[in-house]
Protein backbone atom coordinates (compact mmCIF):
# COMPACT_ATOMS: atom_id res chain seq x y z
CA MET A 1 -6.52 9.14 23.81
CA ASN A 2 -2.87 9.90 23.05
CA PHE A 3 0.06 9.26 25.38
CA LEU A 4 0.36 12.79 26.74
CA GLU A 5 -3.37 12.86 27.53
CA LYS A 6 -3.06 9.50 29.27
CA ILE A 7 -0.12 10.76 31.34
CA ASN A 8 -1.98 13.95 32.26
CA ASN A 9 -5.11 12.01 33.25
CA ARG A 10 -3.05 9.66 35.37
CA PHE A 11 -1.24 12.58 36.99
CA LEU A 12 -4.55 14.25 37.90
CA ARG A 13 -5.66 11.00 39.52
CA THR A 14 -2.48 10.18 41.45
CA ASN A 15 -0.65 13.51 41.84
CA SER A 16 2.46 11.39 41.31
CA HIS A 17 5.60 11.79 39.20
CA LEU A 18 6.88 8.30 39.97
CA CYS A 19 7.61 5.92 37.09
CA ILE A 20 8.22 2.40 38.38
CA GLY A 21 10.63 0.30 36.36
CA LEU A 22 10.04 -3.43 35.98
CA ASP A 23 13.46 -5.13 35.71
CA PRO A 24 12.94 -8.80 36.60
CA ASP A 25 16.35 -10.19 37.54
CA PRO A 26 16.16 -13.81 38.78
CA GLN A 27 19.36 -13.25 40.80
CA LYS A 28 17.72 -10.44 42.79
CA ILE A 29 14.11 -11.56 43.13
CA PRO A 30 13.46 -12.26 46.84
CA GLU A 31 13.86 -15.90 47.82
CA PRO A 32 10.24 -16.44 48.92
CA PHE A 33 9.06 -15.98 45.32
CA GLY A 34 11.36 -18.32 43.39
CA LYS A 35 13.02 -17.98 39.99
CA THR A 36 10.78 -19.68 37.40
CA PRO A 37 8.90 -17.54 34.84
CA ASP A 38 5.60 -18.19 36.62
CA GLN A 39 7.11 -17.24 39.98
CA ILE A 40 8.69 -14.10 38.48
CA PHE A 41 5.30 -13.16 37.05
CA HIS A 42 3.70 -13.58 40.47
CA PHE A 43 6.38 -11.33 41.97
CA LEU A 44 5.85 -8.58 39.36
CA GLU A 45 2.08 -8.88 39.64
CA GLU A 46 2.31 -8.39 43.41
CA VAL A 47 4.65 -5.40 43.06
CA ILE A 48 2.36 -3.74 40.50
CA GLU A 49 -0.70 -4.22 42.66
CA ALA A 50 1.05 -2.95 45.80
CA THR A 51 2.63 0.15 44.25
CA SER A 52 0.18 1.17 41.52
CA GLU A 53 -1.41 3.99 43.54
CA TYR A 54 1.96 5.78 43.44
CA ALA A 55 2.71 5.06 39.76
CA LEU A 56 2.38 7.73 37.11
CA ALA A 57 3.65 5.09 34.67
CA LEU A 58 5.24 1.64 34.57
CA LYS A 59 8.40 0.95 32.57
CA PRO A 60 9.24 -2.69 31.78
CA ASN A 61 12.85 -3.04 30.64
CA LEU A 62 12.95 -5.33 27.60
CA ALA A 63 16.52 -6.48 28.27
CA TYR A 64 15.49 -8.30 31.44
CA PHE A 65 12.62 -10.08 29.71
CA GLU A 66 14.64 -10.95 26.58
CA ALA A 67 17.40 -12.41 28.77
CA LEU A 68 14.91 -15.12 29.80
CA GLY A 69 14.48 -16.24 26.18
CA LEU A 70 11.12 -17.22 24.72
CA GLU A 71 9.65 -17.59 28.21
CA GLY A 72 10.72 -14.02 28.90
CA ILE A 73 8.80 -12.69 25.89
CA ARG A 74 5.73 -14.59 27.07
CA LEU A 75 6.31 -13.16 30.54
CA PHE A 76 6.49 -9.63 29.09
CA GLU A 77 3.17 -10.13 27.30
CA LYS A 78 1.58 -11.58 30.44
CA VAL A 79 2.79 -8.67 32.58
CA LEU A 80 1.40 -6.13 30.10
CA LYS A 81 -2.02 -7.77 30.37
CA THR A 82 -2.03 -7.47 34.16
CA ILE A 83 -1.28 -3.71 34.21
CA PRO A 84 -4.42 -1.61 34.81
CA GLU A 85 -5.64 0.14 31.65
CA ASP A 86 -5.27 3.64 33.08
CA ILE A 87 -1.54 3.26 33.87
CA PRO A 88 0.69 4.26 30.92
CA VAL A 89 3.25 1.63 29.92
CA ILE A 90 6.66 2.71 28.62
CA ALA A 91 8.62 -0.05 26.85
CA ASP A 92 12.23 0.56 27.83
CA ALA A 93 13.77 -0.85 24.67
CA LYS A 94 16.19 1.87 23.52
CA ARG A 95 15.62 0.94 19.90
CA GLY A 96 17.28 2.75 17.00
CA ASP A 97 18.22 1.30 13.61
CA ILE A 98 17.89 1.99 9.90
CA GLY A 99 14.36 2.91 8.83
CA PRO A 100 13.03 -0.53 7.82
CA SER A 101 14.29 -2.13 11.04
CA SER A 102 12.95 0.71 13.20
CA LYS A 103 9.60 0.31 11.48
CA LYS A 104 9.47 -3.31 12.66
CA TYR A 105 10.58 -2.39 16.18
CA ALA A 106 7.85 0.25 16.35
CA TYR A 107 5.21 -2.14 15.03
CA ALA A 108 6.24 -4.87 17.48
CA LEU A 109 6.17 -2.82 20.67
CA LEU A 110 3.62 -0.11 19.94
CA GLU A 111 1.14 -2.16 17.94
CA GLN A 112 1.61 -5.87 18.58
CA PHE A 113 2.30 -5.52 22.30
CA GLY A 114 0.28 -2.32 22.61
CA CYS A 115 2.69 -0.30 24.76
CA ASP A 116 1.84 3.37 25.22
CA ALA A 117 5.40 4.61 24.75
CA ILE A 118 8.93 3.49 23.97
CA THR A 119 12.51 4.63 24.58
CA VAL A 120 14.66 5.10 21.46
CA SER A 121 18.26 5.98 20.63
CA PRO A 122 18.83 8.95 18.28
CA TYR A 123 22.40 8.07 17.30
CA MET A 124 21.50 7.02 13.72
CA GLY A 125 19.53 10.19 13.05
CA TYR A 126 16.03 11.19 11.99
CA ASP A 127 15.30 8.31 9.61
CA SER A 128 15.85 5.87 12.50
CA ILE A 129 13.33 7.77 14.66
CA GLU A 130 10.71 8.59 12.02
CA PRO A 131 8.92 5.19 12.05
CA PHE A 132 8.20 5.69 15.76
CA LEU A 133 7.00 9.27 15.24
CA ASN A 134 4.36 8.03 12.82
CA TYR A 135 2.53 6.52 15.80
CA LYS A 136 1.10 9.92 16.71
CA ASP A 137 -0.87 8.66 19.71
CA LYS A 138 2.19 7.01 21.29
CA GLY A 139 4.97 8.53 23.39
CA ILE A 140 8.55 8.45 22.10
CA PHE A 141 11.28 9.01 24.71
CA VAL A 142 14.60 9.88 23.06
CA LEU A 143 17.85 9.24 24.92
CA CYS A 144 19.40 12.65 25.52
CA LEU A 145 21.71 12.60 28.54
CA THR A 146 21.76 9.19 30.18
CA SER A 147 22.46 8.42 33.84
CA ASN A 148 25.38 6.01 33.36
CA SER A 149 29.01 7.10 33.75
CA GLY A 150 29.70 6.28 30.10
CA ALA A 151 27.47 9.20 29.09
CA ASN A 152 30.62 11.33 29.31
CA ASP A 153 32.25 9.38 26.47
CA PHE A 154 30.06 10.84 23.71
CA GLN A 155 27.08 12.80 25.04
CA VAL A 156 29.17 15.43 26.85
CA PRO A 157 30.15 18.18 26.18
CA ASN A 158 27.81 19.01 23.28
CA LEU A 159 25.99 16.04 21.76
CA TYR A 160 23.23 15.96 24.37
CA LEU A 161 22.35 19.59 23.61
CA GLN A 162 22.21 18.85 19.89
CA VAL A 163 19.85 15.96 20.64
CA ALA A 164 17.56 18.19 22.72
CA GLU A 165 17.49 20.81 19.97
CA LYS A 166 16.78 18.26 17.22
CA VAL A 167 14.05 16.52 19.20
CA ARG A 168 12.28 19.85 19.66
CA GLU A 169 12.51 20.37 15.89
CA TRP A 170 11.13 16.87 15.18
CA ASN A 171 8.27 17.17 17.68
CA VAL A 172 5.61 18.14 15.14
CA HIS A 173 3.09 15.65 16.56
CA SER A 174 3.78 16.59 20.21
CA ASN A 175 4.63 12.97 21.02
CA LEU A 176 8.35 13.32 21.69
CA SER A 177 10.01 13.43 25.11
CA LEU A 178 13.55 13.14 26.45
CA VAL A 179 15.41 10.74 28.73
CA VAL A 180 17.54 12.88 31.06
CA GLY A 181 19.56 11.31 33.88
CA ALA A 182 19.37 12.70 37.39
CA THR A 183 23.11 12.10 37.72
CA HIS A 184 23.73 15.32 35.74
CA PRO A 185 21.65 17.97 37.58
CA GLU A 186 24.02 20.77 36.55
CA ARG A 187 23.22 20.15 32.85
CA VAL A 188 19.45 19.69 33.07
CA LEU A 189 18.53 23.38 32.84
CA ALA A 190 20.45 23.72 29.57
CA ILE A 191 18.50 20.76 28.18
CA ARG A 192 15.18 22.31 29.22
CA GLU A 193 16.14 25.56 27.49
CA LYS A 194 16.84 23.67 24.26
CA SER A 195 13.86 21.29 24.40
CA GLY A 196 11.04 23.55 25.53
CA PRO A 197 8.07 22.16 27.50
CA MET A 198 8.08 18.42 26.82
CA PRO A 199 8.04 15.53 29.33
CA PHE A 200 11.34 14.26 30.70
CA LEU A 201 11.85 10.66 31.82
CA ILE A 202 14.44 10.89 34.59
CA PRO A 203 16.33 7.73 35.61
CA GLY A 204 19.16 7.53 38.11
CA ILE A 205 17.34 8.65 41.27
CA GLY A 206 17.32 5.31 43.09
CA ALA A 207 20.18 2.81 42.86
CA GLN A 208 22.35 5.19 40.80
CA GLY A 209 22.18 7.93 43.42
CA GLY A 210 21.13 10.93 41.34
CA ALA A 211 20.35 14.37 42.78
CA LEU A 212 16.56 14.54 43.00
CA GLU A 213 15.93 18.07 44.28
CA LYS A 214 18.39 19.85 41.97
CA THR A 215 17.17 17.89 38.95
CA LEU A 216 13.51 18.64 39.63
CA GLU A 217 14.23 22.32 40.11
CA ALA A 218 15.87 22.52 36.69
CA VAL A 219 13.37 20.26 34.92
CA GLN A 220 10.25 22.11 36.01
CA ASP A 221 11.57 25.63 35.41
CA GLY A 222 8.07 27.06 35.22
CA THR A 223 6.64 24.37 32.91
CA ARG A 224 3.48 22.47 33.86
CA VAL A 225 4.40 19.37 31.84
CA PRO A 226 4.68 16.33 34.15
CA CYS A 227 8.14 14.83 34.50
CA LEU A 228 8.52 11.11 35.18
CA ILE A 229 10.98 10.15 37.91
CA ASN A 230 12.00 6.55 37.37
CA ALA A 231 12.98 4.08 40.07
CA SER A 232 13.43 0.39 39.29
CA ARG A 233 15.82 -1.63 41.44
CA SER A 234 15.30 0.52 44.53
CA ILE A 235 11.59 -0.40 44.52
CA LEU A 236 11.74 -3.98 43.22
CA TYR A 237 14.66 -5.01 45.43
CA PRO A 238 14.70 -2.50 48.32
CA GLU A 239 17.60 -3.93 50.33
CA LYS A 240 18.19 -0.54 51.98
CA SER A 241 14.58 -0.05 53.00
CA VAL A 242 14.05 0.29 56.74
CA VAL A 243 11.05 -2.01 56.51
CA PHE A 244 13.04 -4.64 54.60
CA ASN A 245 15.92 -4.51 57.07
CA ASP A 246 13.54 -4.84 60.02
CA PHE A 247 12.12 -8.04 58.54
CA LYS A 248 15.55 -9.32 57.54
CA GLU A 249 17.09 -8.84 60.96
CA THR A 250 14.23 -10.02 63.13
CA GLN A 251 12.61 -12.91 61.27
CA GLU A 252 12.35 -15.01 58.16
CA PHE A 253 10.68 -12.61 55.77
CA SER A 254 7.81 -13.84 53.63
CA SER A 255 6.71 -12.83 50.14
CA LYS A 256 4.17 -10.52 51.79
CA ASP A 257 6.95 -8.80 53.75
CA CYS A 258 8.95 -8.23 50.55
CA ILE A 259 6.00 -6.64 48.78
CA SER A 260 5.28 -4.48 51.83
CA SER A 261 8.85 -3.23 51.61
CA SER A 262 8.46 -2.38 47.91
CA ARG A 263 5.26 -0.51 48.65
CA HIS A 264 6.91 1.36 51.52
CA THR A 265 9.83 2.38 49.30
CA ALA A 266 7.50 3.57 46.51
CA HIS A 267 5.48 5.60 49.01
CA GLU A 268 8.61 7.18 50.48
CA LEU A 269 9.98 8.15 47.07
CA HIS A 270 6.60 9.50 45.94
CA GLN A 271 6.45 11.67 49.05
CA LYS A 272 10.04 12.81 48.64
CA ILE A 273 9.31 13.95 45.07
CA ARG A 274 6.18 15.80 46.21
CA ASN A 275 8.12 17.54 48.98
CA CYS A 276 10.81 18.68 46.54
CA LEU A 277 8.25 20.08 44.11
CA GLU A 278 6.36 21.94 46.81
CA LYS A 279 9.40 23.88 48.05
């Protein structure tokens, strides 16, 4: 089964567009869990179990695992093994280097670790992307228009459209997709026109405050290809959740309370996405 088939199967089962990011930051992990690698694993395991029914995919961010050193790499491997087989895993690695280096990056994450998909940077051109494309059953998400403010330094006004056009040209195995930030809803329709019907991974909805409804309207534009709406920090560390605040203000909150808050936030976002799409 290739990545797109796995995404479609998961979508049929969950009717969800929500991609849940796994960004384990010891400084933000709720106090009841602790900060050691084993305690961080327990926290992530609990979050995955509590929110999986709303997850179209899970997206572990390699930077957060690598920041923990060798223990972080072991933690990454351990987390991958605890994710249910039917949930697609996107390695958020943003790799992109000369061909031989990209070949090793692709082998490491798509073969050794067995991730279903990976995020890559197109800045160095086709030969830096080609080694990933050769994994025809895997999903390759190419950075197109990112959600950070620095996207305006290079990607705007024209580079992001060139990326969308090139990715469509390179998509001979139907395994390419785009990363398109929800912080640029006014530009999303132009990207869709250039890219054609391929999946979009859309960050920036949660902590970065992107415009969900306008982005979804432009992304769908008549296509039936599932889009993946990513939320990471807003689900893992839902400080603004009503449930979380209730616990925080009225009592000492336990690990169970924290996980309940993450589940509540995932459910709310899932429902919000569904409501936007049904308008």
